[in-house]
């Protein structure tokens, strides 16, 4: 069965903080309800904790790191789920139940499996 990444874009906040307990509860409820198709997923820390990596000069070049996100945006990639669904329609139906879809966005992409 095909796999799909459900990329969650929402407010760039620290979901581990107590003021987001109700939202975290909604994600836990989604995880329980969608357990049959979930194959993984995690929340991400805020973009302020990110390190952007570039290699100048291509392969074997100098590694350059920058603290913070690649780009400043209103919504940030704050988590993801890996879904195993019959088709894109089923993946979209599942993604519509992810809490971020209600006030942010969930991008659904097919996963390319190398060697398959």
PDB file of N, CA and C in Angstrom:
ATOM      1  N   UNK A   1       0.846  -1.177   0.000  1.00  0.00           N
ATOM      2  CA  UNK A   1       0.000   0.000   0.000  1.00  0.00           C
ATOM      3  C   UNK A   1       0.893   1.242   0.000  1.00  0.00           C
ATOM      4  N   UNK A   2       0.511   2.290  -0.720  1.00  0.00           N
ATOM      5  CA  UNK A   2       1.346   3.495  -0.784  1.00  0.00           C
ATOM      6  C   UNK A   2       1.401   4.238   0.552  1.00  0.00           C
ATOM      7  N   UNK A   3       2.498   4.980   0.715  1.00  0.00           N
ATOM      8  CA  UNK A   3       2.669   5.800   1.910  1.00  0.00           C
ATOM      9  C   UNK A   3       2.628   7.268   1.503  1.00  0.00           C
ATOM     10  N   UNK A   4       2.156   8.082   2.438  1.00  0.00           N
ATOM     11  CA  UNK A   4       2.045   9.518   2.224  1.00  0.00           C
ATOM     12  C   UNK A   4       2.591  10.249   3.444  1.00  0.00           C
ATOM     13  N   UNK A   5       3.320  11.325   3.197  1.00  0.00           N
ATOM     14  CA  UNK A   5       3.753  12.201   4.284  1.00  0.00           C
ATOM     15  C   UNK A   5       2.687  13.279   4.440  1.00  0.00           C
ATOM     16  N   UNK A   6       2.235  13.468   5.654  1.00  0.00           N
ATOM     17  CA  UNK A   6       1.319  14.556   5.977  1.00  0.00           C
ATOM     18  C   UNK A   6       2.146  15.588   6.741  1.00  0.00           C
ATOM     19  N   UNK A   7       2.548  16.648   6.042  1.00  0.00           N
ATOM     20  CA  UNK A   7       3.415  17.676   6.618  1.00  0.00           C
ATOM     21  C   UNK A   7       2.548  18.761   7.237  1.00  0.00           C
ATOM     22  N   UNK A   8       2.764  19.017   8.509  1.00  0.00           N
ATOM     23  CA  UNK A   8       1.913  19.913   9.280  1.00  0.00           C
ATOM     24  C   UNK A   8       2.537  21.305   9.341  1.00  0.00           C
ATOM     25  N   UNK A   9       1.780  22.292   8.864  1.00  0.00           N
ATOM     26  CA  UNK A   9       2.210  23.693   8.927  1.00  0.00           C
ATOM     27  C   UNK A   9       1.242  24.431   9.841  1.00  0.00           C
ATOM     28  N   UNK A  10       1.790  25.009  10.903  1.00  0.00           N
ATOM     29  CA  UNK A  10       0.950  25.728  11.858  1.00  0.00           C
ATOM     30  C   UNK A  10       1.787  26.816  12.514  1.00  0.00           C
ATOM     31  N   UNK A  11       1.214  27.452  13.520  1.00  0.00           N
ATOM     32  CA  UNK A  11       1.938  28.495  14.243  1.00  0.00           C
ATOM     33  C   UNK A  11       3.248  27.924  14.789  1.00  0.00           C
ATOM     34  N   UNK A  12       4.287  28.728  14.751  1.00  0.00           N
ATOM     35  CA  UNK A  12       5.626  28.307  15.189  1.00  0.00           C
ATOM     36  C   UNK A  12       5.744  28.480  16.698  1.00  0.00           C
ATOM     37  N   UNK A  13       5.235  27.495  17.439  1.00  0.00           N
ATOM     38  CA  UNK A  13       5.229  27.561  18.899  1.00  0.00           C
ATOM     39  C   UNK A  13       5.850  26.296  19.475  1.00  0.00           C
ATOM     40  N   UNK A  14       6.120  26.326  20.762  1.00  0.00           N
ATOM     41  CA  UNK A  14       6.658  25.158  21.465  1.00  0.00           C
ATOM     42  C   UNK A  14       5.483  24.373  22.029  1.00  0.00           C
ATOM     43  N   UNK A  15       5.103  23.309  21.324  1.00  0.00           N
ATOM     44  CA  UNK A  15       3.919  22.535  21.689  1.00  0.00           C
ATOM     45  C   UNK A  15       4.069  21.819  23.025  1.00  0.00           C
ATOM     46  N   UNK A  16       5.264  21.771  23.593  1.00  0.00           N
ATOM     47  CA  UNK A  16       5.454  21.115  24.886  1.00  0.00           C
ATOM     48  C   UNK A  16       5.057  22.017  26.057  1.00  0.00           C
ATOM     49  N   UNK A  17       4.769  23.279  25.785  1.00  0.00           N
ATOM     50  CA  UNK A  17       4.408  24.219  26.846  1.00  0.00           C
ATOM     51  C   UNK A  17       2.971  23.990  27.316  1.00  0.00           C
ATOM     52  N   UNK A  18       2.709  24.212  28.613  1.00  0.00           N
ATOM     53  CA  UNK A  18       1.383  23.936  29.188  1.00  0.00           C
ATOM     54  C   UNK A  18       0.222  24.646  28.485  1.00  0.00           C
ATOM     55  N   UNK A  19       0.454  25.833  27.930  1.00  0.00           N
ATOM     56  CA  UNK A  19      -0.661  26.553  27.297  1.00  0.00           C
ATOM     57  C   UNK A  19      -1.176  25.869  26.030  1.00  0.00           C
ATOM     58  N   UNK A  20      -0.448  24.855  25.536  1.00  0.00           N
ATOM     59  CA  UNK A  20      -0.889  24.131  24.347  1.00  0.00           C
ATOM     60  C   UNK A  20      -1.396  22.729  24.689  1.00  0.00           C
ATOM     61  N   UNK A  21      -1.702  22.493  25.956  1.00  0.00           N
ATOM     62  CA  UNK A  21      -2.148  21.168  26.409  1.00  0.00           C
ATOM     63  C   UNK A  21      -3.421  20.716  25.702  1.00  0.00           C
ATOM     64  N   UNK A  22      -4.364  21.628  25.492  1.00  0.00           N
ATOM     65  CA  UNK A  22      -5.621  21.246  24.830  1.00  0.00           C
ATOM     66  C   UNK A  22      -5.364  20.848  23.376  1.00  0.00           C
ATOM     67  N   UNK A  23      -4.529  21.604  22.681  1.00  0.00           N
ATOM     68  CA  UNK A  23      -4.194  21.257  21.295  1.00  0.00           C
ATOM     69  C   UNK A  23      -3.448  19.929  21.239  1.00  0.00           C
ATOM     70  N   UNK A  24      -2.545  19.716  22.167  1.00  0.00           N
ATOM     71  CA  UNK A  24      -1.800  18.456  22.212  1.00  0.00           C
ATOM     72  C   UNK A  24      -2.758  17.289  22.436  1.00  0.00           C
ATOM     73  N   UNK A  25      -3.772  17.502  23.265  1.00  0.00           N
ATOM     74  CA  UNK A  25      -4.785  16.470  23.503  1.00  0.00           C
ATOM     75  C   UNK A  25      -5.507  16.120  22.198  1.00  0.00           C
ATOM     76  N   UNK A  26      -5.814  17.133  21.391  1.00  0.00           N
ATOM     77  CA  UNK A  26      -6.482  16.887  20.106  1.00  0.00           C
ATOM     78  C   UNK A  26      -5.604  16.048  19.177  1.00  0.00           C
ATOM     79  N   UNK A  27      -4.300  16.317  19.168  1.00  0.00           N
ATOM     80  CA  UNK A  27      -3.386  15.516  18.341  1.00  0.00           C
ATOM     81  C   UNK A  27      -3.318  14.075  18.847  1.00  0.00           C
ATOM     82  N   UNK A  28      -3.313  13.901  20.156  1.00  0.00           N
ATOM     83  CA  UNK A  28      -3.309  12.541  20.715  1.00  0.00           C
ATOM     84  C   UNK A  28      -4.588  11.795  20.334  1.00  0.00           C
ATOM     85  N   UNK A  29      -5.708  12.493  20.367  1.00  0.00           N
ATOM     86  CA  UNK A  29      -6.978  11.878  19.965  1.00  0.00           C
ATOM     87  C   UNK A  29      -6.949  11.499  18.485  1.00  0.00           C
ATOM     88  N   UNK A  30      -6.394  12.382  17.651  1.00  0.00           N
ATOM     89  CA  UNK A  30      -6.255  12.050  16.231  1.00  0.00           C
ATOM     90  C   UNK A  30      -5.400  10.800  16.064  1.00  0.00           C
ATOM     91  N   UNK A  31      -4.266  10.746  16.777  1.00  0.00           N
ATOM     92  CA  UNK A  31      -3.364   9.604  16.673  1.00  0.00           C
ATOM     93  C   UNK A  31      -4.048   8.293  17.026  1.00  0.00           C
ATOM     94  N   UNK A  32      -4.879   8.318  18.046  1.00  0.00           N
ATOM     95  CA  UNK A  32      -5.617   7.110  18.434  1.00  0.00           C
ATOM     96  C   UNK A  32      -6.651   6.737  17.377  1.00  0.00           C
ATOM     97  N   UNK A  33      -7.356   7.727  16.860  1.00  0.00           N
ATOM     98  CA  UNK A  33      -8.399   7.467  15.865  1.00  0.00           C
ATOM     99  C   UNK A  33      -7.823   6.978  14.539  1.00  0.00           C
ATOM    100  N   UNK A  34      -6.628   7.434  14.185  1.00  0.00           N
ATOM    101  CA  UNK A  34      -6.016   7.088  12.896  1.00  0.00           C
ATOM    102  C   UNK A  34      -4.946   6.010  13.016  1.00  0.00           C
ATOM    103  N   UNK A  35      -4.896   5.333  14.137  1.00  0.00           N
ATOM    104  CA  UNK A  35      -3.835   4.352  14.401  1.00  0.00           C
ATOM    105  C   UNK A  35      -3.701   3.299  13.302  1.00  0.00           C
ATOM    106  N   UNK A  36      -4.791   2.951  12.655  1.00  0.00           N
ATOM    107  CA  UNK A  36      -4.749   1.902  11.629  1.00  0.00           C
ATOM    108  C   UNK A  36      -3.895   2.290  10.426  1.00  0.00           C
ATOM    109  N   UNK A  37      -3.761   3.590  10.147  1.00  0.00           N
ATOM    110  CA  UNK A  37      -2.984   4.017   8.978  1.00  0.00           C
ATOM    111  C   UNK A  37      -1.692   4.755   9.338  1.00  0.00           C
ATOM    112  N   UNK A  38      -1.496   5.092  10.612  1.00  0.00           N
ATOM    113  CA  UNK A  38      -0.282   5.811  11.016  1.00  0.00           C
ATOM    114  C   UNK A  38       0.905   4.859  11.050  1.00  0.00           C
ATOM    115  N   UNK A  39       1.998   5.278  10.433  1.00  0.00           N
ATOM    116  CA  UNK A  39       3.224   4.486  10.446  1.00  0.00           C
ATOM    117  C   UNK A  39       4.365   5.245  11.119  1.00  0.00           C
ATOM    118  N   UNK A  40       4.069   6.425  11.593  1.00  0.00           N
ATOM    119  CA  UNK A  40       5.059   7.223  12.299  1.00  0.00           C
ATOM    120  C   UNK A  40       4.629   8.670  12.323  1.00  0.00           C
ATOM    121  N   UNK A  41       5.393   9.473  13.023  1.00  0.00           N
ATOM    122  CA  UNK A  41       5.117  10.894  13.085  1.00  0.00           C
ATOM    123  C   UNK A  41       5.666  11.493  14.358  1.00  0.00           C
ATOM    124  N   UNK A  42       5.946  12.750  14.292  1.00  0.00           N
ATOM    125  CA  UNK A  42       6.491  13.468  15.448  1.00  0.00           C
ATOM    126  C   UNK A  42       6.158  14.946  15.332  1.00  0.00           C
ATOM    127  N   UNK A  43       6.106  15.602  16.466  1.00  0.00           N
ATOM    128  CA  UNK A  43       6.050  17.060  16.517  1.00  0.00           C
ATOM    129  C   UNK A  43       7.487  17.561  16.493  1.00  0.00           C
ATOM    130  N   UNK A  44       7.660  18.776  16.013  1.00  0.00           N
ATOM    131  CA  UNK A  44       8.988  19.376  15.948  1.00  0.00           C
ATOM    132  C   UNK A  44       9.065  20.571  16.890  1.00  0.00           C
ATOM    133  N   UNK A  45      10.259  20.802  17.442  1.00  0.00           N
ATOM    134  CA  UNK A  45      10.475  22.004  18.242  1.00  0.00           C
ATOM    135  C   UNK A  45      10.375  23.228  17.336  1.00  0.00           C
ATOM    136  N   UNK A  46      10.195  24.430  17.906  1.00  0.00           N
ATOM    137  CA  UNK A  46      10.079  25.648  17.095  1.00  0.00           C
ATOM    138  C   UNK A  46      11.292  25.858  16.189  1.00  0.00           C
ATOM    139  N   UNK A  47      11.074  26.641  15.139  1.00  0.00           N
ATOM    140  CA  UNK A  47      12.147  26.892  14.177  1.00  0.00           C
ATOM    141  C   UNK A  47      13.354  27.582  14.802  1.00  0.00           C
ATOM    142  N   UNK A  48      13.165  28.240  15.930  1.00  0.00           N
ATOM    143  CA  UNK A  48      14.302  28.884  16.599  1.00  0.00           C
ATOM    144  C   UNK A  48      15.341  27.861  17.042  1.00  0.00           C
ATOM    145  N   UNK A  49      14.949  26.587  17.136  1.00  0.00           N
ATOM    146  CA  UNK A  49      15.887  25.532  17.528  1.00  0.00           C
ATOM    147  C   UNK A  49      16.553  24.878  16.316  1.00  0.00           C
ATOM    148  N   UNK A  50      16.167  25.309  15.126  1.00  0.00           N
ATOM    149  CA  UNK A  50      16.681  24.690  13.891  1.00  0.00           C
ATOM    150  C   UNK A  50      18.115  25.109  13.596  1.00  0.00           C
ATOM    151  N   UNK A  51      18.805  24.259  12.884  1.00  0.00           N
ATOM    152  CA  UNK A  51      20.108  24.574  12.310  1.00  0.00           C
ATOM    153  C   UNK A  51      20.008  24.254  10.828  1.00  0.00           C
ATOM    154  N   UNK A  52      20.301  25.249   9.994  1.00  0.00           N
ATOM    155  CA  UNK A  52      20.271  25.060   8.549  1.00  0.00           C
ATOM    156  C   UNK A  52      21.676  24.695   8.094  1.00  0.00           C
ATOM    157  N   UNK A  53      21.777  23.636   7.281  1.00  0.00           N
ATOM    158  CA  UNK A  53      23.077  23.131   6.815  1.00  0.00           C
ATOM    159  C   UNK A  53      23.161  23.311   5.300  1.00  0.00           C
ATOM    160  N   UNK A  54      24.276  23.859   4.859  1.00  0.00           N
ATOM    161  CA  UNK A  54      24.572  23.989   3.428  1.00  0.00           C
ATOM    162  C   UNK A  54      26.001  23.514   3.207  1.00  0.00           C
ATOM    163  N   UNK A  55      26.259  22.978   2.028  1.00  0.00           N
ATOM    164  CA  UNK A  55      27.622  22.606   1.650  1.00  0.00           C
ATOM    165  C   UNK A  55      27.995  23.475   0.453  1.00  0.00           C
ATOM    166  N   UNK A  56      28.921  24.396   0.673  1.00  0.00           N
ATOM    167  CA  UNK A  56      29.340  25.273  -0.420  1.00  0.00           C
ATOM    168  C   UNK A  56      30.305  24.526  -1.331  1.00  0.00           C
ATOM    169  N   UNK A  57      30.150  24.716  -2.613  1.00  0.00           N
ATOM    170  CA  UNK A  57      31.020  24.040  -3.561  1.00  0.00           C
ATOM    171  C   UNK A  57      30.577  22.630  -3.890  1.00  0.00           C
ATOM    172  N   UNK A  58      29.398  22.214  -3.439  1.00  0.00           N
ATOM    173  CA  UNK A  58      28.893  20.871  -3.759  1.00  0.00           C
ATOM    174  C   UNK A  58      29.495  19.791  -2.887  1.00  0.00           C
ATOM    175  N   UNK A  59      29.312  18.558  -3.303  1.00  0.00           N
ATOM    176  CA  UNK A  59      29.775  17.392  -2.548  1.00  0.00           C
ATOM    177  C   UNK A  59      31.244  17.537  -2.181  1.00  0.00           C
ATOM    178  N   UNK A  60      31.541  17.313  -0.893  1.00  0.00           N
ATOM    179  CA  UNK A  60      32.914  17.425  -0.414  1.00  0.00           C
ATOM    180  C   UNK A  60      33.341  18.845  -0.088  1.00  0.00           C
ATOM    181  N   UNK A  61      32.437  19.811  -0.284  1.00  0.00           N
ATOM    182  CA  UNK A  61      32.768  21.208  -0.016  1.00  0.00           C
ATOM    183  C   UNK A  61      32.705  21.541   1.461  1.00  0.00           C
ATOM    184  N   UNK A  62      32.769  22.823   1.744  1.00  0.00           N
ATOM    185  CA  UNK A  62      32.738  23.293   3.128  1.00  0.00           C
ATOM    186  C   UNK A  62      31.316  23.250   3.682  1.00  0.00           C
ATOM    187  N   UNK A  63      31.183  22.713   4.886  1.00  0.00           N
ATOM    188  CA  UNK A  63      29.890  22.674   5.558  1.00  0.00           C
ATOM    189  C   UNK A  63      29.687  23.999   6.286  1.00  0.00           C
ATOM    190  N   UNK A  64      28.576  24.646   5.987  1.00  0.00           N
ATOM    191  CA  UNK A  64      28.238  25.925   6.608  1.00  0.00           C
ATOM    192  C   UNK A  64      26.907  25.757   7.323  1.00  0.00           C
ATOM    193  N   UNK A  65      26.865  26.100   8.606  1.00  0.00           N
ATOM    194  CA  UNK A  65      25.624  26.008   9.366  1.00  0.00           C
ATOM    195  C   UNK A  65      25.165  27.395   9.785  1.00  0.00           C
ATOM    196  N   UNK A  66      23.857  27.536   9.866  1.00  0.00           N
ATOM    197  CA  UNK A  66      23.242  28.782  10.300  1.00  0.00           C
ATOM    198  C   UNK A  66      22.208  28.442  11.351  1.00  0.00           C
ATOM    199  N   UNK A  67      22.225  29.159  12.471  1.00  0.00           N
ATOM    200  CA  UNK A  67      21.208  28.954  13.494  1.00  0.00           C
ATOM    201  C   UNK A  67      19.875  29.481  12.988  1.00  0.00           C
ATOM    202  N   UNK A  68      18.835  28.742  13.262  1.00  0.00           N
ATOM    203  CA  UNK A  68      17.498  29.181  12.893  1.00  0.00           C
ATOM    204  C   UNK A  68      17.007  28.547  11.614  1.00  0.00           C
ATOM    205  N   UNK A  69      15.803  28.928  11.224  1.00  0.00           N
ATOM    206  CA  UNK A  69      15.157  28.302  10.073  1.00  0.00           C
ATOM    207  C   UNK A  69      15.739  28.765   8.743  1.00  0.00           C
ATOM    208  N   UNK A  70      15.413  28.010   7.718  1.00  0.00           N
ATOM    209  CA  UNK A  70      15.826  28.349   6.353  1.00  0.00           C
ATOM    210  C   UNK A  70      15.168  29.637   5.893  1.00  0.00           C
ATOM    211  N   UNK A  71      13.899  29.823   6.236  1.00  0.00           N
ATOM    212  CA  UNK A  71      13.158  31.015   5.817  1.00  0.00           C
ATOM    213  C   UNK A  71      12.221  31.445   6.941  1.00  0.00           C
ATOM    214  N   UNK A  72      11.971  32.720   7.005  1.00  0.00           N
ATOM    215  CA  UNK A  72      11.014  33.258   7.969  1.00  0.00           C
ATOM    216  C   UNK A  72       9.622  33.184   7.342  1.00  0.00           C
ATOM    217  N   UNK A  73       8.691  32.555   8.031  1.00  0.00           N
ATOM    218  CA  UNK A  73       7.331  32.440   7.523  1.00  0.00           C
ATOM    219  C   UNK A  73       6.340  32.577   8.665  1.00  0.00           C
ATOM    220  N   UNK A  74       5.096  32.845   8.316  1.00  0.00           N
ATOM    221  CA  UNK A  74       4.037  32.942   9.330  1.00  0.00           C
ATOM    222  C   UNK A  74       3.731  31.563   9.907  1.00  0.00           C
ATOM    223  N   UNK A  75       3.641  30.571   9.025  1.00  0.00           N
ATOM    224  CA  UNK A  75       3.424  29.197   9.456  1.00  0.00           C
ATOM    225  C   UNK A  75       4.708  28.425   9.218  1.00  0.00           C
ATOM    226  N   UNK A  76       4.969  27.462  10.064  1.00  0.00           N
ATOM    227  CA  UNK A  76       6.205  26.693   9.969  1.00  0.00           C
ATOM    228  C   UNK A  76       5.881  25.207   9.943  1.00  0.00           C
ATOM    229  N   UNK A  77       6.821  24.417   9.439  1.00  0.00           N
ATOM    230  CA  UNK A  77       6.695  22.965   9.509  1.00  0.00           C
ATOM    231  C   UNK A  77       6.861  22.590  10.973  1.00  0.00           C
ATOM    232  N   UNK A  78       5.773  22.131  11.590  1.00  0.00           N
ATOM    233  CA  UNK A  78       5.797  21.863  13.028  1.00  0.00           C
ATOM    234  C   UNK A  78       5.654  20.387  13.371  1.00  0.00           C
ATOM    235  N   UNK A  79       5.487  19.552  12.357  1.00  0.00           N
ATOM    236  CA  UNK A  79       5.379  18.127  12.604  1.00  0.00           C
ATOM    237  C   UNK A  79       5.007  17.389  11.347  1.00  0.00           C
ATOM    238  N   UNK A  80       4.885  16.090  11.475  1.00  0.00           N
ATOM    239  CA  UNK A  80       4.537  15.269  10.320  1.00  0.00           C
ATOM    240  C   UNK A  80       3.955  13.945  10.791  1.00  0.00           C
ATOM    241  N   UNK A  81       3.224  13.311   9.908  1.00  0.00           N
ATOM    242  CA  UNK A  81       2.767  11.937  10.090  1.00  0.00           C
ATOM    243  C   UNK A  81       3.138  11.169   8.834  1.00  0.00           C
ATOM    244  N   UNK A  82       3.425   9.905   8.983  1.00  0.00           N
ATOM    245  CA  UNK A  82       3.598   9.008   7.858  1.00  0.00           C
ATOM    246  C   UNK A  82       2.360   8.126   7.814  1.00  0.00           C
ATOM    247  N   UNK A  83       1.623   8.236   6.721  1.00  0.00           N
ATOM    248  CA  UNK A  83       0.360   7.520   6.568  1.00  0.00           C
ATOM    249  C   UNK A  83       0.520   6.414   5.534  1.00  0.00           C
ATOM    250  N   UNK A  84      -0.085   5.283   5.784  1.00  0.00           N
ATOM    251  CA  UNK A  84      -0.145   4.219   4.788  1.00  0.00           C
ATOM    252  C   UNK A  84      -1.613   4.052   4.424  1.00  0.00           C
ATOM    253  N   UNK A  85      -1.950   4.511   3.234  1.00  0.00           N
ATOM    254  CA  UNK A  85      -3.344   4.560   2.805  1.00  0.00           C
ATOM    255  C   UNK A  85      -3.496   3.893   1.443  1.00  0.00           C
ATOM    256  N   UNK A  86      -4.712   3.529   1.114  1.00  0.00           N
ATOM    257  CA  UNK A  86      -4.992   2.864  -0.157  1.00  0.00           C
ATOM    258  C   UNK A  86      -4.672   3.765  -1.341  1.00  0.00           C
ATOM    259  N   UNK A  87      -4.944   5.073  -1.178  1.00  0.00           N
ATOM    260  CA  UNK A  87      -4.720   6.008  -2.278  1.00  0.00           C
ATOM    261  C   UNK A  87      -4.706   7.437  -1.731  1.00  0.00           C
ATOM    262  N   UNK A  88      -4.490   8.388  -2.627  1.00  0.00           N
ATOM    263  CA  UNK A  88      -4.429   9.788  -2.232  1.00  0.00           C
ATOM    264  C   UNK A  88      -5.740  10.254  -1.608  1.00  0.00           C
ATOM    265  N   UNK A  89      -6.855   9.793  -2.132  1.00  0.00           N
ATOM    266  CA  UNK A  89      -8.147  10.203  -1.564  1.00  0.00           C
ATOM    267  C   UNK A  89      -8.261   9.824  -0.087  1.00  0.00           C
ATOM    268  N   UNK A  90      -7.837   8.608   0.252  1.00  0.00           N
ATOM    269  CA  UNK A  90      -7.882   8.197   1.660  1.00  0.00           C
ATOM    270  C   UNK A  90      -6.915   9.034   2.487  1.00  0.00           C
ATOM    271  N   UNK A  91      -5.725   9.307   1.949  1.00  0.00           N
ATOM    272  CA  UNK A  91      -4.742  10.125   2.675  1.00  0.00           C
ATOM    273  C   UNK A  91      -5.289  11.527   2.940  1.00  0.00           C
ATOM    274  N   UNK A  92      -5.988  12.096   1.982  1.00  0.00           N
ATOM    275  CA  UNK A  92      -6.586  13.425   2.156  1.00  0.00           C
ATOM    276  C   UNK A  92      -7.680  13.377   3.220  1.00  0.00           C
ATOM    277  N   UNK A  93      -8.478  12.330   3.201  1.00  0.00           N
ATOM    278  CA  UNK A  93      -9.534  12.176   4.215  1.00  0.00           C
ATOM    279  C   UNK A  93      -8.934  12.120   5.611  1.00  0.00           C
ATOM    280  N   UNK A  94      -7.840  11.372   5.765  1.00  0.00           N
ATOM    281  CA  UNK A  94      -7.160  11.277   7.067  1.00  0.00           C
ATOM    282  C   UNK A  94      -6.549  12.628   7.430  1.00  0.00           C
ATOM    283  N   UNK A  95      -5.858  13.269   6.484  1.00  0.00           N
ATOM    284  CA  UNK A  95      -5.195  14.549   6.747  1.00  0.00           C
ATOM    285  C   UNK A  95      -6.178  15.626   7.179  1.00  0.00           C
ATOM    286  N   UNK A  96      -7.390  15.577   6.671  1.00  0.00           N
ATOM    287  CA  UNK A  96      -8.401  16.575   7.037  1.00  0.00           C
ATOM    288  C   UNK A  96      -8.788  16.476   8.505  1.00  0.00           C
ATOM    289  N   UNK A  97      -8.462  15.376   9.148  1.00  0.00           N
ATOM    290  CA  UNK A  97      -8.775  15.190  10.570  1.00  0.00           C
ATOM    291  C   UNK A  97      -7.621  15.590  11.483  1.00  0.00           C
ATOM    292  N   UNK A  98      -6.478  15.941  10.908  1.00  0.00           N
ATOM    293  CA  UNK A  98      -5.345  16.422  11.702  1.00  0.00           C
ATOM    294  C   UNK A  98      -5.680  17.838  12.176  1.00  0.00           C
ATOM    295  N   UNK A  99      -5.562  18.119  13.471  1.00  0.00           N
ATOM    296  CA  UNK A  99      -5.961  19.436  13.985  1.00  0.00           C
ATOM    297  C   UNK A  99      -5.376  20.634  13.235  1.00  0.00           C
ATOM    298  N   UNK A 100      -4.174  20.548  12.716  1.00  0.00           N
ATOM    299  CA  UNK A 100      -3.580  21.684  11.998  1.00  0.00           C
ATOM    300  C   UNK A 100      -4.370  22.041  10.742  1.00  0.00           C
ATOM    301  N   UNK A 101      -5.093  21.097  10.172  1.00  0.00           N
ATOM    302  CA  UNK A 101      -5.884  21.383   8.969  1.00  0.00           C
ATOM    303  C   UNK A 101      -7.008  22.363   9.265  1.00  0.00           C
ATOM    304  N   UNK A 102      -7.384  22.497  10.522  1.00  0.00           N
ATOM    305  CA  UNK A 102      -8.500  23.363  10.898  1.00  0.00           C
ATOM    306  C   UNK A 102      -8.099  24.827  11.002  1.00  0.00           C
ATOM    307  N   UNK A 103      -6.819  25.111  11.252  1.00  0.00           N
ATOM    308  CA  UNK A 103      -6.402  26.513  11.367  1.00  0.00           C
ATOM    309  C   UNK A 103      -5.000  26.766  10.822  1.00  0.00           C
ATOM    310  N   UNK A 104      -4.454  25.798  10.153  1.00  0.00           N
ATOM    311  CA  UNK A 104      -3.152  25.922   9.504  1.00  0.00           C
ATOM    312  C   UNK A 104      -3.252  25.218   8.167  1.00  0.00           C
ATOM    313  N   UNK A 105      -2.327  24.312   7.902  1.00  0.00           N
ATOM    314  CA  UNK A 105      -2.372  23.549   6.652  1.00  0.00           C
ATOM    315  C   UNK A 105      -1.680  22.210   6.852  1.00  0.00           C
ATOM    316  N   UNK A 106      -2.137  21.223   6.109  1.00  0.00           N
ATOM    317  CA  UNK A 106      -1.484  19.922   6.071  1.00  0.00           C
ATOM    318  C   UNK A 106      -1.222  19.604   4.602  1.00  0.00           C
ATOM    319  N   UNK A 107       0.041  19.472   4.276  1.00  0.00           N
ATOM    320  CA  UNK A 107       0.441  19.131   2.906  1.00  0.00           C
ATOM    321  C   UNK A 107       0.605  17.618   2.820  1.00  0.00           C
ATOM    322  N   UNK A 108      -0.050  16.996   1.866  1.00  0.00           N
ATOM    323  CA  UNK A 108       0.028  15.551   1.692  1.00  0.00           C
ATOM    324  C   UNK A 108       0.862  15.266   0.447  1.00  0.00           C
ATOM    325  N   UNK A 109       1.906  14.459   0.642  1.00  0.00           N
ATOM    326  CA  UNK A 109       2.771  14.093  -0.479  1.00  0.00           C
ATOM    327  C   UNK A 109       3.014  12.602  -0.503  1.00  0.00           C
ATOM    328  N   UNK A 110       3.005  12.000  -1.708  1.00  0.00           N
ATOM    329  CA  UNK A 110       3.375  10.584  -1.799  1.00  0.00           C
ATOM    330  C   UNK A 110       4.837  10.404  -1.410  1.00  0.00           C
ATOM    331  N   UNK A 111       5.135   9.299  -0.763  1.00  0.00           N
ATOM    332  CA  UNK A 111       6.505   8.972  -0.371  1.00  0.00           C
ATOM    333  C   UNK A 111       7.146   8.136  -1.493  1.00  0.00           C
ATOM    334  N   UNK A 112       8.319   8.530  -1.904  1.00  0.00           N
ATOM    335  CA  UNK A 112       9.076   7.801  -2.901  1.00  0.00           C
ATOM    336  C   UNK A 112       9.929   6.770  -2.180  1.00  0.00           C
ATOM    337  N   UNK A 113       9.651   5.507  -2.400  1.00  0.00           N
ATOM    338  CA  UNK A 113      10.394   4.452  -1.748  1.00  0.00           C
ATOM    339  C   UNK A 113      11.474   3.943  -2.681  1.00  0.00           C
ATOM    340  N   UNK A 114      12.720   4.223  -2.330  1.00  0.00           N
ATOM    341  CA  UNK A 114      13.849   3.774  -3.148  1.00  0.00           C
ATOM    342  C   UNK A 114      14.010   2.281  -3.028  1.00  0.00           C
ATOM    343  N   UNK A 115      14.334   1.645  -4.127  1.00  0.00           N
ATOM    344  CA  UNK A 115      14.554   0.219  -4.113  1.00  0.00           C
ATOM    345  C   UNK A 115      13.281  -0.597  -4.158  1.00  0.00           C
ATOM    346  N   UNK A 116      12.158   0.077  -4.257  1.00  0.00           N
ATOM    347  CA  UNK A 116      10.877  -0.649  -4.293  1.00  0.00           C
ATOM    348  C   UNK A 116      10.557  -1.069  -5.712  1.00  0.00           C
TER     349      UNK A 116
END
